[in-house]
Protein backbone atom coordinates (compact mmCIF):
# COMPACT_ATOMS: atom_id res chain seq x y z
CA MET A 1 23.12 -8.95 17.45
CA GLN A 2 19.90 -10.38 16.33
CA GLY A 3 18.58 -9.97 19.86
CA VAL A 4 19.48 -6.27 19.97
CA ILE A 5 17.77 -5.58 16.45
CA GLN A 6 14.60 -7.19 17.70
CA GLN A 7 14.74 -5.22 20.90
CA LEU A 8 15.24 -2.06 19.32
CA GLY A 9 13.16 -2.66 16.38
CA SER A 10 15.15 -2.35 13.19
CA GLU A 11 18.73 -2.31 11.97
CA GLU A 12 18.50 1.51 11.41
CA LYS A 13 17.49 1.97 15.13
CA VAL A 14 20.45 0.01 16.37
CA GLU A 15 22.84 2.10 14.31
CA ASP A 16 21.23 5.40 15.54
CA TYR A 17 21.27 4.05 19.27
CA PHE A 18 24.87 3.23 19.08
CA GLY A 19 25.80 5.97 16.44
CA SER A 20 27.86 3.46 14.36
CA SER A 21 27.27 1.03 11.53
CA LEU A 22 26.29 -2.60 12.33
CA ALA A 23 29.63 -3.95 11.23
CA LYS A 24 31.46 -1.64 13.52
CA ILE A 25 29.16 -2.47 16.42
CA ARG A 26 29.60 -6.03 16.14
CA ARG A 27 33.31 -5.57 16.07
CA ASN A 28 33.63 -3.08 19.01
CA TYR A 29 30.46 -3.57 21.21
CA ARG A 30 29.62 -7.05 21.28
CA ASP A 31 30.71 -7.60 25.01
CA GLU A 32 29.50 -4.37 25.98
CA ILE A 33 26.01 -5.16 24.17
CA GLU A 34 25.57 -8.60 26.16
CA LYS A 35 26.46 -7.02 29.43
CA ASN A 36 23.85 -4.22 28.80
CA LEU A 37 21.28 -6.83 27.44
CA ARG A 38 21.79 -8.85 30.67
CA ALA A 39 21.47 -5.56 32.97
CA MET A 40 18.27 -4.64 31.12
CA GLN A 41 16.75 -8.41 31.47
CA VAL A 42 17.66 -8.40 35.10
CA ARG A 43 16.06 -4.49 35.43
CA ASN A 44 12.99 -5.75 33.61
CA GLN A 45 12.47 -9.04 35.79
CA LYS A 46 12.89 -7.04 38.84
CA LEU A 47 10.74 -4.22 38.32
CA GLY A 48 8.30 -5.52 35.41
CA ALA A 49 5.45 -5.56 37.89
CA VAL A 50 5.79 -2.19 39.66
CA LYS A 51 2.60 -0.15 39.51
CA ILE A 52 1.97 3.32 40.21
CA GLY A 53 -1.49 5.05 41.24
CA ARG A 54 -2.97 8.52 40.59
CA ARG A 55 -2.18 9.83 44.12
CA GLU A 56 1.41 8.95 43.50
CA VAL A 57 1.52 10.53 40.06
CA GLU A 58 -0.24 13.87 41.22
CA ALA A 59 2.43 13.92 44.17
CA PHE A 60 5.44 13.23 41.94
CA PHE A 61 4.12 15.96 39.43
CA LYS A 62 3.72 18.39 42.35
CA SER A 63 7.43 17.85 43.48
CA LYS A 64 8.93 17.52 40.16
CA LYS A 65 6.91 19.74 37.86
CA ASP A 66 9.76 22.34 37.46
CA SER A 67 12.45 19.77 36.92
CA ILE A 68 10.46 17.73 34.29
CA GLY A 69 10.17 20.53 31.75
CA LYS A 70 7.47 21.41 29.24
CA ILE A 71 5.84 20.12 26.08
CA GLN A 72 8.37 21.08 23.33
CA GLU A 73 7.04 22.47 20.16
CA THR A 74 6.21 19.23 17.79
CA VAL A 75 5.42 18.92 14.29
CA ASP A 76 3.92 16.11 12.60
CA ILE A 77 5.50 15.75 8.93
CA SER A 78 5.33 13.47 5.75
CA HIS A 79 7.48 13.58 2.71
CA LEU A 80 8.18 12.63 -0.52
CA LEU A 81 11.71 11.72 -1.72
CA ILE A 82 13.66 11.60 -5.06
CA THR A 83 17.09 10.28 -5.02
CA PRO A 84 19.45 11.34 -7.70
CA LYS A 85 20.23 8.07 -9.37
CA ALA A 86 23.56 7.56 -11.04
CA GLY A 87 23.32 7.29 -14.95
CA ASP A 88 24.84 4.92 -17.37
CA ALA A 89 28.12 6.80 -17.41
CA ALA A 90 28.42 6.44 -13.46
CA ARG A 91 27.71 2.92 -13.59
CA GLN A 92 30.01 2.19 -16.10
CA ALA A 93 32.88 4.23 -14.34
CA ALA A 94 31.98 1.96 -11.08
CA MET A 95 31.73 -1.34 -12.96
CA GLU A 96 35.24 -0.58 -14.72
CA LYS A 97 36.83 0.19 -11.12
CA ILE A 98 35.50 -3.00 -9.38
CA LYS A 99 36.66 -5.02 -12.32
CA SER A 100 40.09 -3.51 -12.26
CA ILE A 101 39.97 -4.48 -8.56
CA GLU A 102 38.83 -8.05 -9.37
CA GLN A 103 41.71 -8.53 -11.63
CA ARG A 104 44.28 -7.56 -8.94
CA LEU A 105 42.72 -10.12 -6.59
CA GLN A 106 42.74 -12.69 -9.16
CA ALA A 107 46.67 -11.79 -9.52
CA GLY A 108 47.09 -12.41 -5.82
CA GLU A 109 46.71 -9.12 -4.13
CA ASP A 110 45.58 -9.25 -0.38
CA PHE A 111 41.70 -8.58 -0.48
CA ALA A 112 41.73 -6.81 3.07
CA ALA A 113 44.70 -4.16 1.74
CA LEU A 114 42.37 -3.27 -1.39
CA ALA A 115 39.27 -2.88 0.86
CA ARG A 116 41.09 -0.36 2.88
CA GLU A 117 42.21 1.22 -0.14
CA PHE A 118 39.19 1.22 -2.41
CA SER A 119 36.00 0.00 -0.71
CA GLN A 120 33.30 2.78 -0.11
CA ASP A 121 31.72 1.11 2.64
CA PRO A 122 32.89 3.52 5.57
CA GLY A 123 31.63 1.02 8.29
CA SER A 124 33.94 -2.05 7.10
CA ALA A 125 36.73 -0.62 4.93
CA VAL A 126 38.73 0.22 7.87
CA ALA A 127 38.61 -3.28 9.02
CA GLY A 128 39.77 -4.63 5.48
CA GLY A 129 36.14 -5.16 4.65
CA ASP A 130 35.64 -7.40 7.43
CA LEU A 131 31.62 -7.54 8.07
CA GLY A 132 32.11 -10.19 11.12
CA PHE A 133 29.94 -13.21 11.57
CA MET A 134 26.31 -13.03 10.39
CA ALA A 135 23.31 -14.99 10.01
CA ARG A 136 20.84 -15.30 7.11
CA GLY A 137 18.31 -12.59 7.06
CA VAL A 138 20.58 -9.60 8.16
CA LEU A 139 22.17 -8.84 4.62
CA GLU A 140 20.77 -7.68 1.31
CA ARG A 141 19.30 -10.76 -0.57
CA PRO A 142 21.74 -10.67 -3.66
CA PHE A 143 24.70 -10.15 -1.35
CA GLU A 144 23.43 -12.86 1.04
CA GLU A 145 22.93 -15.40 -1.77
CA ALA A 146 26.41 -14.98 -2.93
CA ALA A 147 27.90 -14.87 0.30
CA PHE A 148 26.61 -18.10 1.52
CA ALA A 149 27.36 -19.87 -1.83
CA LEU A 150 31.07 -19.25 -1.20
CA GLN A 151 33.43 -21.66 0.52
CA PRO A 152 36.21 -20.39 2.74
CA GLY A 153 38.92 -18.78 0.78
CA GLN A 154 36.69 -18.28 -2.00
CA LEU A 155 36.10 -15.14 -3.98
CA SER A 156 32.52 -14.19 -5.47
CA GLN A 157 31.71 -13.09 -9.05
CA LEU A 158 30.56 -9.35 -9.10
CA VAL A 159 27.36 -8.94 -7.00
CA GLU A 160 24.98 -5.96 -7.34
CA THR A 161 22.90 -4.37 -4.71
CA ARG A 162 21.19 -1.06 -4.19
CA TYR A 163 24.50 0.03 -2.67
CA GLY A 164 26.59 -0.63 -5.56
CA PHE A 165 28.94 -3.35 -7.01
CA HIS A 166 30.63 -5.71 -4.42
CA LEU A 167 33.31 -8.36 -4.25
CA ILE A 168 32.90 -10.69 -1.55
CA LYS A 169 35.51 -13.21 -0.06
CA MET A 170 34.37 -16.03 2.50
CA GLU A 171 36.61 -16.10 5.51
CA GLU A 172 34.97 -18.58 7.71
CA ARG A 173 32.01 -20.62 8.63
CA ARG A 174 30.74 -21.29 12.12
CA GLY A 175 27.45 -23.05 12.08
CA GLU A 176 24.78 -21.26 10.30
CA LYS A 177 26.87 -17.94 10.43
CA VAL A 178 29.28 -17.02 8.02
CA ARG A 179 32.38 -14.55 8.27
CA VAL A 180 33.05 -12.51 4.95
CA ARG A 181 34.96 -9.47 3.75
CA HIS A 182 33.50 -7.36 0.99
CA ILE A 183 34.66 -4.36 -1.35
CA LEU A 184 32.00 -2.24 -2.36
CA ILE A 185 32.18 0.57 -5.33
CA THR A 186 29.28 2.89 -5.51
CA PRO A 187 28.31 4.78 -8.77
CA LYS A 188 28.11 8.30 -8.27
CA ALA A 189 25.57 10.54 -9.51
CA THR A 190 26.75 13.03 -11.89
CA ARG A 191 25.77 16.88 -11.80
CA GLU A 192 23.43 16.01 -15.09
CA ASP A 193 21.96 13.19 -12.69
CA GLU A 194 21.21 15.82 -10.08
CA MET A 195 19.93 18.08 -12.55
CA ALA A 196 17.15 15.68 -13.78
CA SER A 197 16.20 14.64 -10.14
CA ALA A 198 15.75 18.57 -9.28
CA ASP A 199 13.60 18.94 -12.61
CA SER A 200 11.58 15.88 -11.25
CA ILE A 201 10.91 16.97 -7.96
CA ARG A 202 10.01 20.66 -9.00
CA ALA A 203 7.31 18.99 -11.49
CA ILE A 204 5.83 17.06 -8.49
CA HIS A 205 5.80 20.18 -6.48
CA ARG A 206 3.93 22.00 -9.04
CA ARG A 207 1.27 19.12 -9.39
CA LEU A 208 0.71 19.24 -5.63
CA GLN A 209 0.20 22.94 -5.37
CA ALA A 210 -2.19 22.59 -8.04
CA GLY A 211 -4.31 20.23 -6.14
CA ALA A 212 -2.75 16.51 -6.79
CA SER A 213 -3.15 14.09 -4.12
CA PHE A 214 0.14 13.77 -1.82
CA GLU A 215 -0.62 10.36 -1.09
CA GLU A 216 -1.02 9.41 -4.77
CA MET A 217 2.09 11.31 -5.56
CA VAL A 218 4.09 9.30 -2.77
CA ALA A 219 3.02 5.96 -3.95
CA LYS A 220 3.77 6.69 -7.50
CA TYR A 221 7.25 8.78 -6.96
CA SER A 222 8.70 8.49 -3.74
CA GLU A 223 11.95 6.44 -3.29
CA ASP A 224 11.93 6.29 0.22
CA SER A 225 10.34 2.60 0.84
CA SER A 226 9.90 2.69 4.34
CA SER A 227 7.63 5.94 4.47
CA ARG A 228 6.06 5.19 1.30
CA GLU A 229 4.05 2.48 2.68
CA LEU A 230 3.13 4.94 5.42
CA LYS A 231 1.66 7.22 2.54
CA GLY A 232 5.10 9.19 3.41
CA HIS A 233 4.34 9.80 7.18
CA LEU A 234 7.73 10.28 9.07
CA GLY A 235 6.09 10.85 12.46
CA VAL A 236 5.71 13.27 15.29
CA PHE A 237 9.05 15.23 16.22
CA GLU A 238 10.01 17.58 18.62
CA VAL A 239 11.47 20.79 16.64
CA ASP A 240 14.68 20.90 18.44
CA GLN A 241 14.93 16.94 17.96
CA LEU A 242 14.21 17.23 14.19
CA ARG A 243 16.92 20.37 13.96
CA GLU A 244 19.59 17.84 15.04
CA ARG A 245 18.57 15.09 12.78
CA ALA A 246 17.51 16.96 9.74
CA LYS A 247 18.31 20.77 10.18
CA GLU A 248 17.24 21.20 6.42
CA PHE A 249 13.86 20.23 7.27
CA VAL A 250 13.52 22.67 9.99
CA PHE A 251 14.49 25.61 7.82
CA ALA A 252 12.10 24.11 4.94
CA ILE A 253 9.06 23.99 7.06
CA ARG A 254 9.53 27.34 8.62
CA GLY A 255 6.33 29.29 8.31
CA VAL A 256 4.56 26.31 6.54
CA ALA A 257 0.93 25.95 7.48
CA ASP A 258 -0.74 22.93 8.49
CA SER A 259 -1.62 20.70 5.58
CA ALA A 260 0.91 22.83 3.06
CA TYR A 261 3.99 21.90 1.52
CA SER A 262 7.53 23.04 1.93
CA ASP A 263 9.45 24.18 -1.29
CA PRO A 264 11.65 21.07 -2.64
CA VAL A 265 14.84 20.74 -0.25
CA ARG A 266 18.09 19.10 -0.86
CA THR A 267 19.67 16.89 1.90
CA GLN A 268 22.19 14.04 1.92
CA TYR A 269 19.38 11.49 0.93
CA GLY A 270 18.14 13.49 -2.01
CA PHE A 271 15.27 15.76 -3.04
CA HIS A 272 12.29 16.27 -0.40
CA ILE A 273 8.82 17.76 -0.28
CA ILE A 274 7.81 18.02 3.16
CA ARG A 275 4.11 18.36 4.12
CA VAL A 276 3.37 19.73 7.63
CA ASN A 277 0.40 17.76 8.64
CA HIS A 278 0.08 19.23 12.23
CA ARG A 279 1.80 21.71 14.37
CA GLU A 280 1.80 21.66 18.20
CA PRO A 281 3.12 24.70 20.04
CA ALA A 282 5.31 24.57 23.17
CA ARG A 283 3.33 24.50 26.48
CA GLU A 284 3.63 23.66 30.04
CA LEU A 285 2.62 20.00 31.20
CA SER A 286 -0.59 19.62 32.91
CA LEU A 287 -2.38 16.50 34.66
CA GLU A 288 -5.53 17.43 32.80
CA LYS A 289 -3.91 17.20 29.42
CA ASP A 290 -0.72 15.04 29.78
CA PHE A 291 -1.84 12.58 32.88
CA ASP A 292 -0.62 9.51 30.68
CA ARG A 293 2.88 10.91 29.91
CA ILE A 294 3.35 12.14 33.52
CA GLN A 295 2.42 8.95 34.68
CA GLN A 296 5.04 7.09 32.33
CA ILE A 297 7.77 9.56 34.05
CA ALA A 298 6.65 8.95 37.61
CA LEU A 299 6.47 5.32 37.06
CA GLU A 300 10.16 5.23 35.40
CA HIS A 301 11.32 7.32 38.48
CA LYS A 302 9.78 4.73 40.95
CA LYS A 303 11.31 1.94 39.11
CA GLN A 304 14.85 3.58 38.85
CA LYS A 305 14.61 4.28 42.71
CA LEU A 306 13.66 0.69 43.43
CA PHE A 307 16.46 -0.52 41.20
CA GLU A 308 19.05 1.71 43.00
CA SER A 309 17.65 0.44 46.34
CA TRP A 310 18.06 -3.18 45.11
CA LEU A 311 21.65 -2.45 44.07
CA ARG A 312 22.65 -0.98 47.19
CA ASP A 313 21.14 -3.88 49.10
CA ILE A 314 23.19 -6.40 46.78
CA ARG A 315 26.57 -4.49 47.46
CA GLU A 316 25.80 -4.38 51.29
CA THR A 317 25.12 -8.09 51.39
CA VAL A 318 28.18 -9.09 49.17
CA PHE A 319 30.49 -6.81 51.57
CA VAL A 320 29.23 -7.98 54.80
CA ASP A 321 29.54 -11.64 53.57
CA ILE A 322 33.17 -10.92 52.42
CA LYS A 323 33.99 -9.15 55.53
CA ASP A 324 32.58 -12.09 57.49
CA LYS A 325 34.69 -14.68 55.74
CA SER A 326 37.93 -12.62 56.35
CA TYR A 327 37.77 -13.68 60.11
CA LEU A 328 37.46 -17.25 59.15
């Protein structure tokens, strides 16, 4: 799994690629992942040195212009995120719930059964909280420290991470890896918590409209740690792609000019202010403006054709070899 994470860039990208949580991917797709990785490695080894010249690119574009489509409308956006936080009452309720589960475990009830019934981690609850084998560096640090300190069959004390409160049970050690189960109870923000966050995002929006620096506001207030390090920048997206991933964003930025801000918008992650850095309207591809992009498409097309030809040769060789041996 670490190889897949390194190849795709992050745990989040792995989850996006497979459309599932890491825990579920580990359980259901281990063999398939290994097979796909081997296929990718073979393909890269066979085709890594393939090049394509300008005349080939021009010929490819002339023959495939109608089928490779056009440049879709794109938008370059940044955002500032305020996430509703569970207040003291919600934290206390979550704490009481997980302590009651802890008491049932100490009384001898089955960990997996309680995980299926109560855990709020959708990726592992259906498997009785089983996270599979994991190495260091994959888990949240407090969770990891507690998990690796356990012996097989041992139950942890209460562990708190940004996701909530956990109880962890060590199932098995295998070299430098451990297999654990966990039960997660997440404090849920109340209506009052939501209203407080909404008030905060509106106040920030007023300051931005009055001329405050977006970068300074992001550094001070945004709770999206990954984009905060990039001054709130999320990237360049095709509008259709953005609609699939965050349709609320598309509605919020409709009619917003370059360098201007959306009104605050609510998504499953919290309250956002979106800055439209730049829009690029849809247009036809051209060799003058888009040569590098067309070259990459043409190169991948050439590689795929060569790979398919190589596979056909392999199959024919194997078939002939088997047929010849049948006469021995």
